[in-house]
Amino acid sequence: QQYANQAAGYQQPFYQAGVNAIPQYQNWLNSMQDPTAFMNNMMNQYQESPYANFLQQQSMRGGQNAASASGLSGSTPFAQQMQQNAGNIASGDMNQWLQNVLGVNTQYGQGQQNLMQGGQQSANSLSNIYNQLGQNMAQTAYGKEAGNQNDFWNTIGGGIGLASMFL
């Protein structure tokens, strides 16, 4: 029993981690039940990166310099091109941010799932440990009882044999 308890003690932290992961995994799943609300919640947290801001400023400076050199400053095609460049930079930044956030979110869910699977494996190991311990204890108890019964019948049988010699 001592060794079974020691083995169970080694499994216990993994079992407990799996048990603790279940409600977190359920909350994670519940947060994505409404995909629109999930995405809106994610996108409400977006902020333009300093790098995207820098790229937009560089694009504006380069565009203004090119337009000034060619005499197109203030023209409609120039303004449209500047807006398109700024929009492309902002869109790329937002898409990269969203991919990163969704990747982290996916890894979180997979991590919780892995914890639950490890907990399930530990629970199975614990069940096997206690099942084997119960079988061993039962066999030991049965062996003692069977031995006691054999001693009883051997004593009675020996006594009957001894009595028949005197009859």
Protein backbone atom coordinates (compact mmCIF):
# COMPACT_ATOMS: atom_id res chain seq x y z
CA GLN A 1 0.00 0.00 0.00
CA GLN A 2 2.91 2.33 0.72
CA TYR A 3 4.22 1.99 -2.84
CA ALA A 4 0.77 2.40 -4.34
CA ASN A 5 0.30 5.62 -2.36
CA GLN A 6 3.73 6.82 -3.46
CA ALA A 7 2.89 6.11 -7.12
CA ALA A 8 -0.47 7.84 -6.73
CA GLY A 9 1.31 10.86 -5.26
CA TYR A 10 3.40 11.16 -8.41
CA GLN A 11 0.26 11.13 -10.58
CA GLN A 12 -1.71 13.56 -8.43
CA PRO A 13 -0.24 16.87 -9.77
CA PHE A 14 -0.99 15.88 -13.35
CA TYR A 15 -4.48 14.76 -12.44
CA GLN A 16 -5.11 18.04 -10.59
CA ALA A 17 -3.78 20.11 -13.53
CA GLY A 18 -6.25 18.33 -15.80
CA VAL A 19 -9.13 18.90 -13.39
CA ASN A 20 -8.25 22.60 -13.12
CA ALA A 21 -8.05 22.94 -16.91
CA ILE A 22 -11.63 21.79 -17.49
CA PRO A 23 -13.44 25.00 -16.43
CA GLN A 24 -10.83 27.16 -18.18
CA TYR A 25 -11.26 25.19 -21.40
CA GLN A 26 -15.04 25.46 -21.11
CA ASN A 27 -14.77 29.24 -20.61
CA TRP A 28 -12.48 29.45 -23.64
CA LEU A 29 -15.01 27.56 -25.75
CA ASN A 30 -17.89 29.67 -24.43
CA SER A 31 -16.05 32.86 -25.36
CA MET A 32 -16.16 31.77 -28.99
CA GLN A 33 -19.79 30.63 -29.13
CA ASP A 34 -20.72 33.86 -30.91
CA PRO A 35 -18.00 34.36 -33.54
CA THR A 36 -19.08 37.94 -34.29
CA ALA A 37 -18.88 38.98 -30.64
CA PHE A 38 -15.54 37.17 -30.29
CA MET A 39 -14.04 38.96 -33.30
CA ASN A 40 -15.49 42.33 -32.25
CA ASN A 41 -13.97 41.88 -28.80
CA MET A 42 -10.61 41.06 -30.36
CA MET A 43 -10.65 43.90 -32.85
CA ASN A 44 -11.69 46.45 -30.21
CA GLN A 45 -8.30 45.83 -28.62
CA TYR A 46 -6.30 46.56 -31.77
CA GLN A 47 -3.95 49.54 -31.78
CA GLU A 48 -1.81 50.52 -34.71
CA SER A 49 1.80 49.51 -34.20
CA PRO A 50 4.53 52.14 -34.04
CA TYR A 51 6.13 50.44 -37.04
CA ALA A 52 2.98 50.85 -39.16
CA ASN A 53 2.83 54.51 -38.14
CA PHE A 54 6.48 54.92 -39.17
CA LEU A 55 5.80 53.25 -42.55
CA GLN A 56 2.85 55.55 -43.18
CA GLN A 57 4.96 58.63 -42.41
CA GLN A 58 7.72 57.43 -44.72
CA SER A 59 5.20 56.74 -47.45
CA MET A 60 3.74 60.24 -47.07
CA ARG A 61 7.17 61.90 -47.19
CA GLY A 62 8.24 59.89 -50.20
CA GLY A 63 4.96 60.56 -51.98
CA GLN A 64 5.08 64.28 -51.25
CA ASN A 65 8.65 64.53 -52.46
CA ALA A 66 7.80 62.66 -55.66
CA ALA A 67 4.67 64.77 -56.22
CA SER A 68 6.57 68.02 -55.64
CA ALA A 69 9.31 67.00 -58.04
CA SER A 70 6.80 66.17 -60.77
CA GLY A 71 4.45 69.09 -60.08
CA LEU A 72 1.53 66.90 -58.92
CA SER A 73 1.24 68.17 -55.33
CA GLY A 74 -2.40 68.63 -54.37
CA SER A 75 -3.74 66.63 -57.32
CA THR A 76 -6.58 64.13 -56.91
CA PRO A 77 -4.58 61.13 -58.20
CA PHE A 78 -1.80 61.99 -55.75
CA ALA A 79 -4.24 62.21 -52.80
CA GLN A 80 -5.87 58.91 -53.80
CA GLN A 81 -2.50 57.18 -54.03
CA MET A 82 -1.51 58.49 -50.60
CA GLN A 83 -4.77 57.23 -49.08
CA GLN A 84 -4.35 53.84 -50.72
CA ASN A 85 -0.77 53.50 -49.44
CA ALA A 86 -1.80 54.45 -45.90
CA GLY A 87 -4.78 52.05 -46.06
CA ASN A 88 -2.58 49.18 -47.28
CA ILE A 89 -0.08 49.73 -44.49
CA ALA A 90 -2.83 49.92 -41.84
CA SER A 91 -4.59 46.86 -43.25
CA GLY A 92 -1.38 44.81 -43.27
CA ASP A 93 -0.64 45.84 -39.68
CA MET A 94 -4.15 44.93 -38.54
CA ASN A 95 -4.06 41.58 -40.31
CA GLN A 96 -0.67 40.72 -38.80
CA TRP A 97 -1.91 41.68 -35.33
CA LEU A 98 -5.07 39.59 -35.74
CA GLN A 99 -3.09 36.56 -36.93
CA ASN A 100 -0.84 36.88 -33.87
CA VAL A 101 -3.79 37.21 -31.47
CA LEU A 102 -5.66 34.28 -33.01
CA GLY A 103 -2.48 32.18 -32.94
CA VAL A 104 -2.00 32.85 -29.23
CA ASN A 105 -5.68 32.14 -28.63
CA THR A 106 -5.41 28.81 -30.46
CA GLN A 107 -2.29 27.85 -28.51
CA TYR A 108 -4.10 28.65 -25.26
CA GLY A 109 -6.98 26.34 -26.17
CA GLN A 110 -4.58 23.59 -27.22
CA GLY A 111 -2.65 24.00 -23.99
CA GLN A 112 -5.81 23.62 -21.91
CA GLN A 113 -6.80 20.59 -23.95
CA ASN A 114 -3.34 19.05 -23.42
CA LEU A 115 -3.64 19.61 -19.68
CA MET A 116 -7.01 17.87 -19.66
CA GLN A 117 -5.65 14.93 -21.66
CA GLY A 118 -2.70 14.62 -19.29
CA GLY A 119 -5.12 14.74 -16.37
CA GLN A 120 -7.23 12.02 -17.96
CA GLN A 121 -4.14 9.84 -18.44
CA SER A 122 -3.19 10.40 -14.80
CA ALA A 123 -6.73 9.59 -13.70
CA ASN A 124 -6.50 6.34 -15.68
CA SER A 125 -3.14 5.58 -14.04
CA LEU A 126 -4.56 6.32 -10.61
CA SER A 127 -7.50 4.03 -11.33
CA ASN A 128 -5.11 1.28 -12.40
CA ILE A 129 -2.95 1.77 -9.31
CA TYR A 130 -5.92 1.54 -6.95
CA ASN A 131 -7.45 -1.33 -8.89
CA GLN A 132 -4.19 -3.30 -8.63
CA LEU A 133 -3.89 -2.41 -4.95
CA GLY A 134 -7.44 -3.65 -4.32
CA GLN A 135 -6.76 -6.87 -6.18
CA ASN A 136 -3.54 -7.44 -4.26
CA MET A 137 -5.24 -6.77 -0.93
CA ALA A 138 -8.12 -9.09 -1.86
CA GLN A 139 -5.74 -11.84 -2.92
CA THR A 140 -3.77 -11.42 0.28
CA ALA A 141 -6.92 -11.52 2.39
CA TYR A 142 -8.30 -14.47 0.42
CA GLY A 143 -4.97 -16.27 0.74
CA LYS A 144 -4.97 -15.82 4.51
CA GLU A 145 -8.59 -16.92 4.76
CA ALA A 146 -7.97 -19.87 2.45
CA GLY A 147 -4.94 -20.77 4.54
CA ASN A 148 -6.99 -20.56 7.74
CA GLN A 149 -9.69 -22.73 6.21
CA ASN A 150 -7.11 -25.25 5.05
CA ASP A 151 -5.62 -25.32 8.55
CA PHE A 152 -9.12 -25.86 10.00
CA TRP A 153 -9.96 -28.70 7.61
CA ASN A 154 -6.51 -30.25 8.02
CA THR A 155 -6.95 -30.13 11.80
CA ILE A 156 -10.44 -31.67 11.57
CA GLY A 157 -9.28 -34.22 9.02
CA GLY A 158 -6.29 -35.10 11.15
CA GLY A 159 -8.49 -35.38 14.20
CA ILE A 160 -10.94 -37.68 12.39
CA GLY A 161 -8.05 -39.81 11.15
CA LEU A 162 -6.66 -40.00 14.64
CA ALA A 163 -10.06 -40.87 16.13
CA SER A 164 -10.60 -43.67 13.59
CA MET A 165 -7.41 -45.30 14.71
CA PHE A 166 -8.80 -45.66 18.20
CA LEU A 167 -12.17 -46.99 17.11
